[in-house]
Amino acid sequence: MNLTRKTALTIAMLAASAGIASAQQTQGVTKTEILIGSIQDLSGPIAGLGKQTRNGLNLRVEEINEQGGINGRKLKLLIEDGGYDPRKAVLAAQKLVNQDKIFAMVGHVGTAMNNAAMPIQFEKNVINFLPITAAREMYEPFHRLKFSFAATYFDQMRAGLPELYKRKSYAAPCIIYQDDEFGLEVVRGAEESLKSMGKTFTEKTTYKRGATDFSSQVARMKAANCDLVVLGTILRETIGTMGESRKIGFTPDFFGSSAVYNDLVHKLGGPVVNGLYAMHSQFQPYMDDPDDKIRFWAAKYKTKFNEDPTIYSIYGYSIIDNFIVGARNAGPNLTTDTFIKAMESTKFPADMFGSAPQTFSSTYRLGNDQSRLSQIQNGRWVKVTDYLPVPKAAK
């Protein structure tokens, strides 16, 4: 009887220990695999950019797996289509987090979409890793599961507008912006910058996400004699606004955030977008780049995907590259906690794509606050300035 009881007790204790170990196992991590997820726009208003990001993500995942993975584990990436819609982003996040059980969400695109998805992730201890949006909500308020790489729209406006005013005196600055969290961040940064120079917007006009007709907004800005138009726009809204302006003889300077800094603006917009200014951190790659490393990388990308790489391809590629560094530095015992500690103690150097060095800490989750000014000249982006200082007063 005693032997039977002891055997039964031993079995029960082993079962309980196995249950505890199972409960403590980090979601998305096995002995052989790290499972990560991403939500991209593959069918909505910025689907062209979402597909470019997907290519960049997949290229770097394929490379690291060919090299043996991360500390013996292969990296597996699942991508869901969010359609650039917060409601779809919620459904995609629920699938990736609760059904697929990913370890981290990487490179999720869009401000409103990330804001909608993050609560779902955080409930299951899933990191929001380097989302493709420069909104301050990606690192503020502080949350241990947030990591953001992009100089904010707010700071981009505060750095870029004074530079434009050094070059030209504007009498009537105006703004057109997407009526959501993304557009409002551009507005807030621009208003803060103008206020510091003793100026205000002469006209402010908005559009709904997914809009295609901007004639009424352009007519309002022309009637206000705007000579500088700040763009809280992304892709087709940028082209639509500038195209409508050219059509009616409205010729202000146009200036946008990093959201307008992409190759599709000038490929699809053609001559109407020449002269457009934008802020950015990394450079749009071109096949004839003077840097042989960029040309080699671009040729590899084009061979695989049969198209030229873009800034969004670089976003995807760089985000996975940074994830690899963090996961590798976390060591063989990869958990959410060890990954976070590794990110907080790692210094990410400037990369070949022109990014600034990045660091994170236990209290601050924005890796970089620096951005440059470029302009579309003769159908391609040309750097106008190097990194611009961000005014310290409102930081």
Protein backbone atom coordinates (compact mmCIF):
# COMPACT_ATOMS: atom_id res chain seq x y z
CA MET A 1 0.00 0.00 0.00
CA ASN A 2 2.74 2.44 0.94
CA LEU A 3 4.61 1.71 -2.29
CA THR A 4 1.43 2.22 -4.28
CA ARG A 5 0.73 5.51 -2.50
CA LYS A 6 4.31 6.69 -3.04
CA THR A 7 4.12 5.79 -6.73
CA ALA A 8 0.81 7.60 -7.10
CA LEU A 9 2.20 10.65 -5.28
CA THR A 10 5.31 10.70 -7.47
CA ILE A 11 3.21 10.49 -10.63
CA ALA A 12 0.98 13.34 -9.39
CA MET A 13 3.97 15.51 -8.57
CA LEU A 14 5.55 14.89 -11.98
CA ALA A 15 2.27 15.73 -13.69
CA ALA A 16 1.96 18.94 -11.69
CA SER A 17 5.54 19.90 -12.53
CA ALA A 18 4.91 19.25 -16.20
CA GLY A 19 1.80 21.41 -16.01
CA ILE A 20 3.71 24.25 -14.40
CA ALA A 21 6.49 24.01 -16.96
CA SER A 22 3.95 24.03 -19.77
CA ALA A 23 2.17 27.06 -18.31
CA GLN A 24 5.45 28.89 -17.98
CA GLN A 25 6.61 28.15 -21.54
CA THR A 26 6.81 31.34 -23.57
CA GLN A 27 4.18 31.62 -26.26
CA GLY A 28 5.57 31.22 -29.76
CA VAL A 29 8.91 29.70 -28.72
CA THR A 30 9.81 26.01 -29.03
CA LYS A 31 13.14 24.21 -29.07
CA THR A 32 13.30 24.55 -32.84
CA GLU A 33 11.24 27.62 -33.77
CA ILE A 34 10.37 31.23 -32.98
CA LEU A 35 6.94 32.21 -34.30
CA ILE A 36 6.33 35.89 -35.06
CA GLY A 37 3.51 37.71 -36.81
CA SER A 38 2.83 40.86 -38.76
CA ILE A 39 -0.27 42.70 -39.96
CA GLN A 40 0.06 44.48 -43.31
CA ASP A 41 -2.25 46.23 -45.73
CA LEU A 42 -2.39 43.76 -48.62
CA SER A 43 -5.79 44.83 -49.98
CA GLY A 44 -6.53 48.42 -48.86
CA PRO A 45 -5.47 51.97 -49.77
CA ILE A 46 -1.74 51.38 -49.14
CA ALA A 47 -1.59 47.77 -50.36
CA GLY A 48 1.36 48.59 -52.60
CA LEU A 49 3.39 49.57 -49.56
CA GLY A 50 2.18 46.58 -47.55
CA LYS A 51 3.35 44.13 -50.21
CA GLN A 52 6.75 45.81 -50.29
CA THR A 53 7.03 45.45 -46.51
CA ARG A 54 6.04 41.79 -46.74
CA ASN A 55 8.83 41.19 -49.25
CA GLY A 56 11.41 42.83 -47.00
CA LEU A 57 10.25 40.87 -43.96
CA ASN A 58 10.34 37.56 -45.83
CA LEU A 59 13.76 38.20 -47.39
CA ARG A 60 15.48 38.66 -44.03
CA VAL A 61 13.63 35.69 -42.49
CA GLU A 62 14.77 33.50 -45.36
CA GLU A 63 18.37 34.69 -44.97
CA ILE A 64 18.61 33.99 -41.25
CA ASN A 65 17.08 30.53 -41.65
CA GLU A 66 19.56 29.69 -44.40
CA GLN A 67 22.28 30.65 -41.91
CA GLY A 68 20.97 28.25 -39.27
CA GLY A 69 18.47 30.44 -37.45
CA ILE A 70 18.78 32.17 -34.09
CA ASN A 71 20.55 30.20 -31.37
CA GLY A 72 19.46 26.98 -33.06
CA ARG A 73 15.86 28.06 -33.71
CA LYS A 74 14.38 28.80 -37.13
CA LEU A 75 12.31 31.96 -37.50
CA LYS A 76 8.76 31.53 -38.79
CA LEU A 77 6.72 34.56 -39.90
CA LEU A 78 2.93 34.67 -40.28
CA ILE A 79 1.41 37.66 -42.09
CA GLU A 80 -2.25 38.71 -41.95
CA ASP A 81 -4.00 41.28 -44.13
CA GLY A 82 -5.38 44.16 -42.06
CA GLY A 83 -6.61 46.19 -45.04
CA TYR A 84 -5.45 49.40 -43.32
CA ASP A 85 -8.61 49.18 -41.20
CA PRO A 86 -8.59 49.12 -37.37
CA ARG A 87 -11.51 46.67 -37.26
CA LYS A 88 -9.69 44.22 -39.53
CA ALA A 89 -6.50 44.77 -37.55
CA VAL A 90 -8.31 43.63 -34.39
CA LEU A 91 -9.46 40.42 -36.08
CA ALA A 92 -5.97 39.81 -37.47
CA ALA A 93 -4.40 40.39 -34.06
CA GLN A 94 -6.84 38.04 -32.38
CA LYS A 95 -5.92 35.31 -34.86
CA LEU A 96 -2.17 35.79 -34.59
CA VAL A 97 -2.09 36.21 -30.81
CA ASN A 98 -4.81 33.84 -29.59
CA GLN A 99 -4.99 31.20 -32.31
CA ASP A 100 -1.51 31.08 -33.85
CA LYS A 101 0.13 32.13 -30.55
CA ILE A 102 2.95 34.31 -31.86
CA PHE A 103 5.87 35.41 -29.70
CA ALA A 104 5.94 38.99 -31.06
CA MET A 105 4.12 41.27 -33.49
CA VAL A 106 6.67 42.79 -35.86
CA GLY A 107 6.37 45.73 -38.23
CA HIS A 108 2.59 46.16 -37.97
CA VAL A 109 1.67 49.07 -40.26
CA GLY A 110 -0.55 52.02 -39.34
CA THR A 111 -1.20 54.18 -36.29
CA ALA A 112 -4.90 53.46 -35.76
CA MET A 113 -4.33 49.79 -36.53
CA ASN A 114 -1.58 49.40 -33.92
CA ASN A 115 -3.62 51.27 -31.33
CA ALA A 116 -6.48 48.84 -31.94
CA ALA A 117 -4.31 45.71 -31.83
CA MET A 118 -1.94 46.44 -28.95
CA PRO A 119 -4.42 45.73 -26.10
CA ILE A 120 -5.02 42.25 -27.55
CA GLN A 121 -1.28 41.62 -27.70
CA PHE A 122 -0.48 42.98 -24.26
CA GLU A 123 -3.13 40.82 -22.62
CA LYS A 124 -1.10 37.79 -23.77
CA ASN A 125 2.34 39.29 -23.11
CA VAL A 126 3.08 39.70 -26.84
CA ILE A 127 5.62 42.40 -27.76
CA ASN A 128 4.74 45.13 -30.28
CA PHE A 129 8.08 45.26 -32.07
CA LEU A 130 9.03 48.23 -34.27
CA PRO A 131 5.65 49.03 -35.84
CA ILE A 132 5.68 50.91 -39.15
CA THR A 133 4.22 54.14 -37.89
CA ALA A 134 5.92 57.16 -36.36
CA ALA A 135 3.14 57.97 -33.90
CA ARG A 136 4.14 58.71 -30.32
CA GLU A 137 1.63 56.12 -29.06
CA MET A 138 4.06 53.46 -30.23
CA TYR A 139 6.24 54.23 -27.21
CA GLU A 140 4.11 56.54 -25.03
CA PRO A 141 2.77 55.99 -22.49
CA PHE A 142 5.57 53.64 -21.50
CA HIS A 143 4.79 49.94 -21.69
CA ARG A 144 7.40 47.21 -21.32
CA LEU A 145 6.06 45.48 -24.45
CA LYS A 146 6.47 48.52 -26.73
CA PHE A 147 9.51 49.12 -28.96
CA SER A 148 9.47 51.84 -31.64
CA PHE A 149 12.17 52.70 -34.19
CA ALA A 150 10.79 55.70 -36.10
CA ALA A 151 11.45 59.36 -35.38
CA THR A 152 7.94 60.56 -34.63
CA TYR A 153 5.68 62.49 -36.98
CA PHE A 154 5.50 65.08 -34.21
CA ASP A 155 9.28 65.55 -34.13
CA GLN A 156 9.61 65.33 -37.91
CA MET A 157 7.37 68.37 -38.25
CA ARG A 158 9.19 70.22 -35.49
CA ALA A 159 12.54 69.61 -37.17
CA GLY A 160 11.52 70.04 -40.81
CA LEU A 161 9.29 73.12 -40.81
CA PRO A 162 11.91 75.49 -39.35
CA GLU A 163 14.33 74.27 -42.02
CA LEU A 164 11.85 75.13 -44.76
CA TYR A 165 11.29 78.57 -43.26
CA LYS A 166 15.04 79.17 -43.31
CA ARG A 167 14.95 78.60 -47.05
CA LYS A 168 11.79 80.57 -47.84
CA SER A 169 9.44 82.94 -46.05
CA TYR A 170 5.88 81.59 -46.12
CA ALA A 171 2.94 83.89 -45.50
CA ALA A 172 0.05 81.39 -45.43
CA PRO A 173 0.87 77.83 -44.27
CA CYS A 174 -1.99 75.33 -44.54
CA ILE A 175 -2.51 71.65 -43.84
CA ILE A 176 -4.54 68.74 -45.25
CA TYR A 177 -4.59 65.62 -43.11
CA GLN A 178 -6.16 62.22 -42.66
CA ASP A 179 -8.87 62.42 -40.03
CA ASP A 180 -7.43 59.86 -37.61
CA GLU A 181 -4.60 59.40 -35.12
CA PHE A 182 -1.95 59.46 -37.83
CA GLY A 183 -3.11 62.75 -39.33
CA LEU A 184 -3.56 64.35 -35.93
CA GLU A 185 0.06 63.56 -34.98
CA VAL A 186 1.25 65.45 -38.07
CA VAL A 187 -1.04 68.35 -37.16
CA ARG A 188 0.16 68.51 -33.56
CA GLY A 189 3.82 68.54 -34.51
CA ALA A 190 3.29 71.14 -37.23
CA GLU A 191 1.23 73.40 -34.95
CA GLU A 192 3.87 73.16 -32.23
CA SER A 193 6.55 74.12 -34.74
CA LEU A 194 4.59 77.05 -36.17
CA LYS A 195 3.77 78.27 -32.68
CA SER A 196 7.49 78.37 -31.84
CA MET A 197 7.94 80.68 -34.85
CA GLY A 198 4.95 82.86 -33.96
CA LYS A 199 2.78 81.50 -36.76
CA THR A 200 -0.46 79.55 -37.23
CA PHE A 201 -2.18 77.68 -40.03
CA THR A 202 -4.21 79.85 -42.39
CA GLU A 203 -6.38 76.87 -43.40
CA LYS A 204 -6.88 73.34 -42.09
CA THR A 205 -8.79 70.68 -44.01
CA THR A 206 -9.29 66.94 -43.57
CA TYR A 207 -10.27 63.79 -45.45
CA LYS A 208 -11.48 60.35 -44.38
CA ARG A 209 -9.21 57.32 -44.59
CA GLY A 210 -9.60 55.77 -48.06
CA ALA A 211 -10.83 58.98 -49.75
CA THR A 212 -10.02 59.49 -53.45
CA ASP A 213 -11.44 62.95 -54.25
CA PHE A 214 -9.62 65.99 -52.82
CA SER A 215 -11.04 68.72 -55.03
CA SER A 216 -12.98 70.51 -52.29
CA GLN A 217 -10.01 70.49 -49.90
CA VAL A 218 -7.66 71.85 -52.57
CA ALA A 219 -10.17 74.53 -53.54
CA ARG A 220 -10.35 75.69 -49.92
CA MET A 221 -6.57 75.95 -49.66
CA LYS A 222 -6.29 77.80 -52.95
CA ALA A 223 -8.97 80.26 -51.82
CA ALA A 224 -6.92 80.89 -48.67
CA ASN A 225 -3.85 81.73 -50.82
CA CYS A 226 -1.79 79.01 -49.13
CA ASP A 227 1.86 79.08 -50.15
CA LEU A 228 2.94 76.04 -48.07
CA VAL A 229 0.82 72.90 -47.68
CA VAL A 230 1.72 70.42 -44.96
CA LEU A 231 0.57 66.92 -45.87
CA GLY A 232 -0.80 64.57 -43.23
CA THR A 233 -1.21 62.10 -46.10
CA ILE A 234 0.32 58.81 -47.23
CA LEU A 235 0.23 57.57 -50.83
CA ARG A 236 -2.73 58.19 -53.11
CA GLU A 237 -3.88 61.15 -51.01
CA THR A 238 -0.50 62.81 -51.61
CA ILE A 239 -0.74 62.21 -55.35
CA GLY A 240 -4.41 63.20 -55.43
CA THR A 241 -3.85 66.45 -53.55
CA MET A 242 -0.88 67.51 -55.63
CA GLY A 243 -2.49 66.40 -58.90
CA GLU A 244 -5.66 68.38 -58.19
CA SER A 245 -3.54 71.39 -57.23
CA ARG A 246 -1.59 71.31 -60.49
CA LYS A 247 -4.84 70.97 -62.45
CA ILE A 248 -6.31 74.20 -61.07
CA GLY A 249 -3.07 76.19 -61.08
CA PHE A 250 -2.46 76.04 -57.34
CA THR A 251 1.32 76.03 -56.82
CA PRO A 252 2.38 76.09 -53.16
CA ASP A 253 5.30 74.12 -51.74
CA PHE A 254 4.25 70.72 -50.40
CA PHE A 255 5.82 69.13 -47.32
CA GLY A 256 5.04 65.78 -45.69
CA SER A 257 6.18 63.35 -43.03
CA SER A 258 7.99 60.07 -43.60
CA ALA A 259 4.59 58.64 -44.56
CA VAL A 260 4.91 60.31 -47.99
CA TYR A 261 8.54 59.27 -48.43
CA ASN A 262 8.18 56.24 -50.69
CA ASP A 263 8.90 55.33 -54.29
CA LEU A 264 5.27 54.85 -55.32
CA VAL A 265 4.58 58.55 -54.82
CA HIS A 266 6.87 59.50 -57.68
CA LYS A 267 6.32 56.34 -59.75
CA LEU A 268 2.56 56.76 -59.73
CA GLY A 269 2.43 60.53 -59.38
CA GLY A 270 4.87 61.35 -62.15
CA PRO A 271 5.74 65.01 -62.82
CA VAL A 272 2.94 66.38 -60.61
CA VAL A 273 4.83 65.40 -57.43
CA ASN A 274 8.16 66.94 -58.42
CA GLY A 275 9.25 69.38 -55.73
CA LEU A 276 7.57 67.49 -52.88
CA TYR A 277 9.52 67.69 -49.59
CA ALA A 278 9.42 64.92 -46.97
CA MET A 279 11.12 63.86 -43.77
CA HIS A 280 12.66 60.39 -43.36
CA SER A 281 15.25 58.35 -41.44
CA GLN A 282 16.38 55.69 -43.93
CA PHE A 283 16.96 56.21 -47.66
CA GLN A 284 14.86 55.06 -50.58
CA PRO A 285 17.16 52.56 -52.38
CA TYR A 286 17.78 52.83 -56.12
CA MET A 287 19.32 50.18 -58.35
CA ASP A 288 22.11 52.58 -59.36
CA ASP A 289 22.95 53.63 -55.79
CA PRO A 290 26.62 54.72 -55.50
CA ASP A 291 27.08 52.38 -52.50
CA ASP A 292 28.07 48.93 -53.77
CA LYS A 293 26.52 47.26 -50.70
CA ILE A 294 23.14 48.81 -51.48
CA ARG A 295 23.43 47.84 -55.15
CA PHE A 296 24.26 44.23 -54.19
CA TRP A 297 21.33 44.06 -51.78
CA ALA A 298 18.98 45.69 -54.31
CA ALA A 299 20.03 43.22 -57.01
CA LYS A 300 19.38 40.29 -54.65
CA TYR A 301 15.95 41.70 -53.79
CA LYS A 302 15.04 42.23 -57.45
CA THR A 303 16.18 38.72 -58.39
CA LYS A 304 13.87 37.24 -55.76
CA PHE A 305 10.79 39.44 -56.21
CA ASN A 306 11.19 40.67 -59.81
CA GLU A 307 10.79 44.31 -58.78
CA ASP A 308 12.95 47.12 -57.46
CA PRO A 309 13.26 47.44 -53.67
CA THR A 310 11.70 50.37 -51.84
CA ILE A 311 11.89 52.15 -48.52
CA TYR A 312 9.12 49.87 -47.24
CA SER A 313 11.15 46.85 -48.33
CA ILE A 314 13.94 48.26 -46.17
CA TYR A 315 11.56 48.80 -43.24
CA GLY A 316 10.57 45.12 -43.33
CA TYR A 317 14.13 43.89 -43.79
CA SER A 318 15.58 46.11 -41.03
CA ILE A 319 12.83 45.28 -38.55
CA ILE A 320 13.55 41.55 -38.84
CA ASP A 321 17.28 42.26 -38.66
CA ASN A 322 16.83 44.10 -35.37
CA PHE A 323 14.59 41.34 -34.05
CA ILE A 324 17.31 38.82 -34.88
CA VAL A 325 19.88 40.84 -32.91
CA GLY A 326 17.58 41.11 -29.90
CA ALA A 327 16.63 37.42 -29.93
CA ARG A 328 20.25 36.32 -30.41
CA ASN A 329 21.42 38.50 -27.52
CA ALA A 330 18.66 37.08 -25.33
CA GLY A 331 20.52 33.75 -25.48
CA PRO A 332 19.23 30.17 -25.80
CA ASN A 333 16.65 30.74 -23.04
CA LEU A 334 14.41 33.00 -25.13
CA THR A 335 11.48 34.41 -23.19
CA THR A 336 9.67 37.71 -23.30
CA ASP A 337 11.68 38.86 -20.29
CA THR A 338 15.07 37.84 -21.67
CA PHE A 339 14.25 39.46 -25.02
CA ILE A 340 13.26 42.73 -23.32
CA LYS A 341 16.47 42.75 -21.25
CA ALA A 342 18.51 42.14 -24.38
CA MET A 343 16.81 45.02 -26.21
CA GLU A 344 17.46 47.34 -23.26
CA SER A 345 21.18 46.52 -23.21
CA THR A 346 21.92 46.40 -26.96
CA LYS A 347 23.28 49.29 -28.98
CA PHE A 348 22.09 49.02 -32.58
CA PRO A 349 24.60 50.70 -34.92
CA ALA A 350 23.69 52.72 -38.01
CA ASP A 351 22.97 50.35 -40.89
CA MET A 352 23.83 50.51 -44.58
CA PHE A 353 20.38 51.95 -45.36
CA GLY A 354 21.13 55.21 -43.56
CA SER A 355 19.40 54.70 -40.23
CA ALA A 356 20.72 56.42 -37.13
CA PRO A 357 22.11 54.32 -34.25
CA GLN A 358 19.36 53.10 -31.94
CA THR A 359 19.20 52.40 -28.23
CA PHE A 360 16.39 51.46 -25.85
CA SER A 361 16.27 51.56 -22.06
CA SER A 362 14.19 50.27 -19.19
CA THR A 363 12.26 53.55 -19.19
CA TYR A 364 12.36 54.74 -22.82
CA ARG A 365 11.21 52.79 -25.87
CA LEU A 366 11.95 55.06 -28.87
CA GLY A 367 15.17 53.96 -30.55
CA ASN A 368 15.73 57.04 -32.71
CA ASP A 369 14.39 60.63 -32.87
CA GLN A 370 16.41 61.86 -35.87
CA SER A 371 15.18 62.50 -39.41
CA ARG A 372 16.33 64.18 -42.62
CA LEU A 373 14.70 66.32 -45.30
CA SER A 374 14.56 65.14 -48.93
CA GLN A 375 12.82 66.35 -52.07
CA ILE A 376 11.57 64.70 -55.26
CA GLN A 377 13.71 66.07 -58.06
CA ASN A 378 13.30 64.78 -61.61
CA GLY A 379 11.35 61.75 -60.48
CA ARG A 380 13.45 60.50 -57.56
CA TRP A 381 14.15 61.34 -53.93
CA VAL A 382 17.22 63.52 -53.36
CA LYS A 383 18.61 64.30 -49.90
CA VAL A 384 18.38 68.01 -49.02
CA THR A 385 19.77 67.91 -45.47
CA ASP A 386 21.43 65.47 -43.12
CA TYR A 387 19.83 64.81 -39.73
CA LEU A 388 18.08 67.91 -38.43
CA PRO A 389 18.08 68.86 -34.73
CA VAL A 390 14.81 68.43 -32.89
CA PRO A 391 13.94 71.50 -30.78
CA LYS A 392 14.34 70.61 -27.11
CA ALA A 393 11.70 72.84 -25.55
CA ALA A 394 8.73 70.54 -26.05
CA LYS A 395 10.48 67.18 -25.83
